[in-house]
Amino acid sequence: MTDDFDRRGKRQRWWVLGMIGGIIPLSIVLSMTDSISPEVAVTVAIVAALVLGAMAVWMNANSHARGDEWWQDDHSSGWRGY
């Protein structure tokens, strides 16, 4: 099943990836129109690319999580204080 809904019925926030991905060409365009300096544009683009990559990997890794994985066990013992 390849839908884009999580287990609570809410849509996953793939639009956030689009917004952060849009920062990269926006910074380049603003640099070309002399609104910001090229150094700032490159820095913003690199940081946005790193954040975008990390978020994309995280969202892809968790796309099929159901919420009952072993690390989310409500009845564990020991270090979690149960």
N, C-alpha and C. Protein backbone atom coordinates (compact mmCIF):
# COMPACT_ATOMS: atom_id res chain seq x y z
N MET A 1 0.84 -1.17 0.00
CA MET A 1 0.00 0.00 0.00
C MET A 1 0.89 1.24 0.00
N THR A 2 0.72 2.08 -0.96
CA THR A 2 1.62 3.22 -1.10
C THR A 2 0.86 4.54 -0.97
N ASP A 3 0.13 4.70 0.08
CA ASP A 3 -0.54 5.99 0.28
C ASP A 3 0.34 6.90 1.11
N ASP A 4 -0.04 8.15 1.20
CA ASP A 4 0.79 9.11 1.92
C ASP A 4 0.13 9.54 3.23
N PHE A 5 -0.55 8.61 3.86
CA PHE A 5 -1.18 8.87 5.15
C PHE A 5 -0.45 8.07 6.22
N ASP A 6 -0.27 8.65 7.39
CA ASP A 6 0.34 7.90 8.48
C ASP A 6 -0.75 7.15 9.24
N ARG A 7 -0.37 6.49 10.32
CA ARG A 7 -1.30 5.59 11.02
C ARG A 7 -2.44 6.34 11.70
N ARG A 8 -2.33 7.63 11.92
CA ARG A 8 -3.39 8.40 12.55
C ARG A 8 -4.32 9.03 11.52
N GLY A 9 -4.07 8.77 10.24
CA GLY A 9 -4.91 9.33 9.20
C GLY A 9 -4.49 10.70 8.74
N LYS A 10 -3.44 11.23 9.31
CA LYS A 10 -2.96 12.56 8.89
C LYS A 10 -1.99 12.39 7.73
N ARG A 11 -1.97 13.38 6.88
CA ARG A 11 -1.02 13.34 5.77
C ARG A 11 0.40 13.55 6.30
N GLN A 12 1.33 12.84 5.68
CA GLN A 12 2.72 13.10 6.02
C GLN A 12 3.10 14.46 5.47
N ARG A 13 4.04 15.08 6.05
CA ARG A 13 4.37 16.46 5.70
C ARG A 13 5.44 16.53 4.61
N TRP A 14 5.12 16.00 3.43
CA TRP A 14 6.04 16.06 2.31
C TRP A 14 6.17 17.48 1.78
N TRP A 15 5.19 18.34 2.05
CA TRP A 15 5.24 19.72 1.57
C TRP A 15 6.39 20.49 2.21
N VAL A 16 6.81 20.04 3.40
CA VAL A 16 7.94 20.71 4.06
C VAL A 16 9.21 20.52 3.23
N LEU A 17 9.35 19.33 2.63
CA LEU A 17 10.51 19.10 1.77
C LEU A 17 10.48 20.06 0.58
N GLY A 18 9.31 20.29 0.04
CA GLY A 18 9.19 21.22 -1.09
C GLY A 18 9.55 22.64 -0.70
N MET A 19 9.14 23.03 0.51
CA MET A 19 9.46 24.38 0.96
C MET A 19 10.96 24.56 1.17
N ILE A 20 11.57 23.59 1.82
CA ILE A 20 13.02 23.69 2.06
C ILE A 20 13.78 23.55 0.75
N GLY A 21 13.30 22.68 -0.13
CA GLY A 21 13.92 22.57 -1.44
C GLY A 21 13.78 23.84 -2.26
N GLY A 22 12.72 24.58 -2.06
CA GLY A 22 12.52 25.84 -2.77
C GLY A 22 13.44 26.95 -2.31
N ILE A 23 14.00 26.80 -1.12
CA ILE A 23 14.94 27.81 -0.62
C ILE A 23 16.21 27.83 -1.47
N ILE A 24 16.60 26.69 -2.00
CA ILE A 24 17.85 26.61 -2.77
C ILE A 24 17.76 27.46 -4.04
N PRO A 25 16.77 27.23 -4.92
CA PRO A 25 16.72 28.11 -6.11
C PRO A 25 16.38 29.56 -5.76
N LEU A 26 15.62 29.77 -4.69
CA LEU A 26 15.31 31.14 -4.29
C LEU A 26 16.57 31.90 -3.91
N SER A 27 17.46 31.26 -3.17
CA SER A 27 18.70 31.94 -2.78
C SER A 27 19.57 32.22 -4.00
N ILE A 28 19.55 31.31 -4.97
CA ILE A 28 20.34 31.53 -6.19
C ILE A 28 19.76 32.69 -7.00
N VAL A 29 18.44 32.73 -7.13
CA VAL A 29 17.81 33.82 -7.88
C VAL A 29 18.04 35.16 -7.18
N LEU A 30 17.92 35.19 -5.86
CA LEU A 30 18.17 36.44 -5.14
C LEU A 30 19.62 36.87 -5.27
N SER A 31 20.52 35.92 -5.37
CA SER A 31 21.92 36.26 -5.57
C SER A 31 22.15 36.84 -6.96
N MET A 32 21.44 36.30 -7.95
CA MET A 32 21.61 36.79 -9.32
C MET A 32 21.01 38.19 -9.51
N THR A 33 20.03 38.53 -8.69
CA THR A 33 19.43 39.86 -8.80
C THR A 33 20.05 40.85 -7.82
N ASP A 34 21.14 40.48 -7.20
CA ASP A 34 21.90 41.32 -6.26
C ASP A 34 21.12 41.70 -5.01
N SER A 35 20.13 40.91 -4.66
CA SER A 35 19.42 41.16 -3.40
C SER A 35 20.24 40.69 -2.21
N ILE A 36 20.98 39.59 -2.40
CA ILE A 36 21.88 39.10 -1.36
C ILE A 36 23.23 38.79 -2.01
N SER A 37 24.25 38.74 -1.19
CA SER A 37 25.59 38.49 -1.73
C SER A 37 25.73 37.01 -2.11
N PRO A 38 26.61 36.71 -3.05
CA PRO A 38 26.80 35.31 -3.46
C PRO A 38 27.28 34.41 -2.32
N GLU A 39 28.07 34.98 -1.40
CA GLU A 39 28.56 34.19 -0.28
C GLU A 39 27.40 33.73 0.62
N VAL A 40 26.47 34.64 0.85
CA VAL A 40 25.30 34.30 1.67
C VAL A 40 24.43 33.30 0.93
N ALA A 41 24.26 33.48 -0.37
CA ALA A 41 23.43 32.57 -1.16
C ALA A 41 24.00 31.16 -1.16
N VAL A 42 25.30 31.04 -1.31
CA VAL A 42 25.93 29.71 -1.30
C VAL A 42 25.79 29.07 0.07
N THR A 43 25.98 29.85 1.12
CA THR A 43 25.85 29.32 2.48
C THR A 43 24.42 28.84 2.74
N VAL A 44 23.46 29.66 2.35
CA VAL A 44 22.05 29.29 2.53
C VAL A 44 21.72 28.03 1.72
N ALA A 45 22.20 27.96 0.49
CA ALA A 45 21.92 26.81 -0.36
C ALA A 45 22.54 25.53 0.21
N ILE A 46 23.74 25.61 0.73
CA ILE A 46 24.40 24.43 1.30
C ILE A 46 23.67 23.96 2.55
N VAL A 47 23.33 24.88 3.43
CA VAL A 47 22.60 24.51 4.65
C VAL A 47 21.24 23.94 4.30
N ALA A 48 20.54 24.55 3.36
CA ALA A 48 19.22 24.05 2.96
C ALA A 48 19.34 22.67 2.33
N ALA A 49 20.38 22.43 1.54
CA ALA A 49 20.57 21.11 0.93
C ALA A 49 20.85 20.05 1.99
N LEU A 50 21.63 20.39 3.00
CA LEU A 50 21.90 19.43 4.07
C LEU A 50 20.64 19.11 4.86
N VAL A 51 19.87 20.14 5.19
CA VAL A 51 18.62 19.93 5.92
C VAL A 51 17.63 19.14 5.07
N LEU A 52 17.54 19.48 3.79
CA LEU A 52 16.64 18.78 2.88
C LEU A 52 17.01 17.30 2.77
N GLY A 53 18.28 17.03 2.63
CA GLY A 53 18.73 15.63 2.54
C GLY A 53 18.45 14.85 3.80
N ALA A 54 18.72 15.46 4.95
CA ALA A 54 18.47 14.77 6.22
C ALA A 54 16.97 14.50 6.42
N MET A 55 16.14 15.49 6.09
CA MET A 55 14.70 15.31 6.25
C MET A 55 14.15 14.27 5.28
N ALA A 56 14.66 14.26 4.05
CA ALA A 56 14.19 13.29 3.07
C ALA A 56 14.56 11.87 3.48
N VAL A 57 15.77 11.69 3.97
CA VAL A 57 16.18 10.35 4.44
C VAL A 57 15.34 9.93 5.64
N TRP A 58 15.11 10.84 6.58
CA TRP A 58 14.32 10.53 7.77
C TRP A 58 12.87 10.17 7.40
N MET A 59 12.27 10.96 6.52
CA MET A 59 10.89 10.69 6.14
C MET A 59 10.77 9.40 5.35
N ASN A 60 11.75 9.10 4.50
CA ASN A 60 11.72 7.86 3.75
C ASN A 60 11.92 6.65 4.67
N ALA A 61 12.79 6.79 5.65
CA ALA A 61 13.04 5.68 6.57
C ALA A 61 11.83 5.39 7.44
N ASN A 62 11.06 6.41 7.76
CA ASN A 62 9.90 6.23 8.64
C ASN A 62 8.58 6.14 7.90
N SER A 63 8.61 6.05 6.59
CA SER A 63 7.36 6.08 5.83
C SER A 63 6.49 4.85 6.06
N HIS A 64 7.08 3.73 6.41
CA HIS A 64 6.30 2.51 6.62
C HIS A 64 6.22 2.12 8.09
N ALA A 65 6.62 3.01 8.98
CA ALA A 65 6.54 2.72 10.41
C ALA A 65 5.07 2.73 10.85
N ARG A 66 4.71 1.76 11.66
CA ARG A 66 3.33 1.64 12.12
C ARG A 66 3.15 2.16 13.54
N GLY A 67 4.22 2.35 14.27
CA GLY A 67 4.12 2.83 15.64
C GLY A 67 4.24 1.75 16.68
N ASP A 68 4.31 0.49 16.27
CA ASP A 68 4.44 -0.59 17.25
C ASP A 68 5.81 -1.25 17.16
N GLU A 69 6.80 -0.51 16.72
CA GLU A 69 8.14 -1.05 16.64
C GLU A 69 8.70 -1.26 18.04
N TRP A 70 9.72 -2.05 18.15
CA TRP A 70 10.23 -2.45 19.46
C TRP A 70 10.73 -1.26 20.27
N TRP A 71 11.24 -0.21 19.63
CA TRP A 71 11.76 0.92 20.41
C TRP A 71 10.64 1.84 20.88
N GLN A 72 9.40 1.56 20.48
CA GLN A 72 8.27 2.36 20.92
C GLN A 72 7.37 1.57 21.87
N ASP A 73 7.93 0.56 22.48
CA ASP A 73 7.15 -0.31 23.35
C ASP A 73 6.77 0.45 24.63
N ASP A 74 5.48 0.47 24.96
CA ASP A 74 5.02 1.16 26.16
C ASP A 74 5.26 0.37 27.43
N HIS A 75 5.56 -0.90 27.31
CA HIS A 75 5.72 -1.75 28.49
C HIS A 75 7.14 -2.29 28.60
N SER A 76 8.10 -1.48 28.26
CA SER A 76 9.47 -1.93 28.40
C SER A 76 9.92 -1.79 29.86
N SER A 77 11.04 -2.32 30.16
CA SER A 77 11.50 -2.29 31.54
C SER A 77 12.88 -1.66 31.60
N GLY A 78 13.32 -1.37 32.83
CA GLY A 78 14.67 -0.90 33.02
C GLY A 78 14.85 0.57 32.88
N TRP A 79 15.61 0.97 31.89
CA TRP A 79 16.05 2.35 31.78
C TRP A 79 14.93 3.34 31.51
N ARG A 80 13.76 2.90 31.07
CA ARG A 80 12.67 3.84 30.82
C ARG A 80 11.80 4.04 32.06
N GLY A 81 12.08 3.32 33.13
CA GLY A 81 11.39 3.55 34.38
C GLY A 81 10.09 2.81 34.56
N TYR A 82 9.83 1.79 33.77
CA TYR A 82 8.61 1.04 33.92
C TYR A 82 8.81 -0.19 34.77
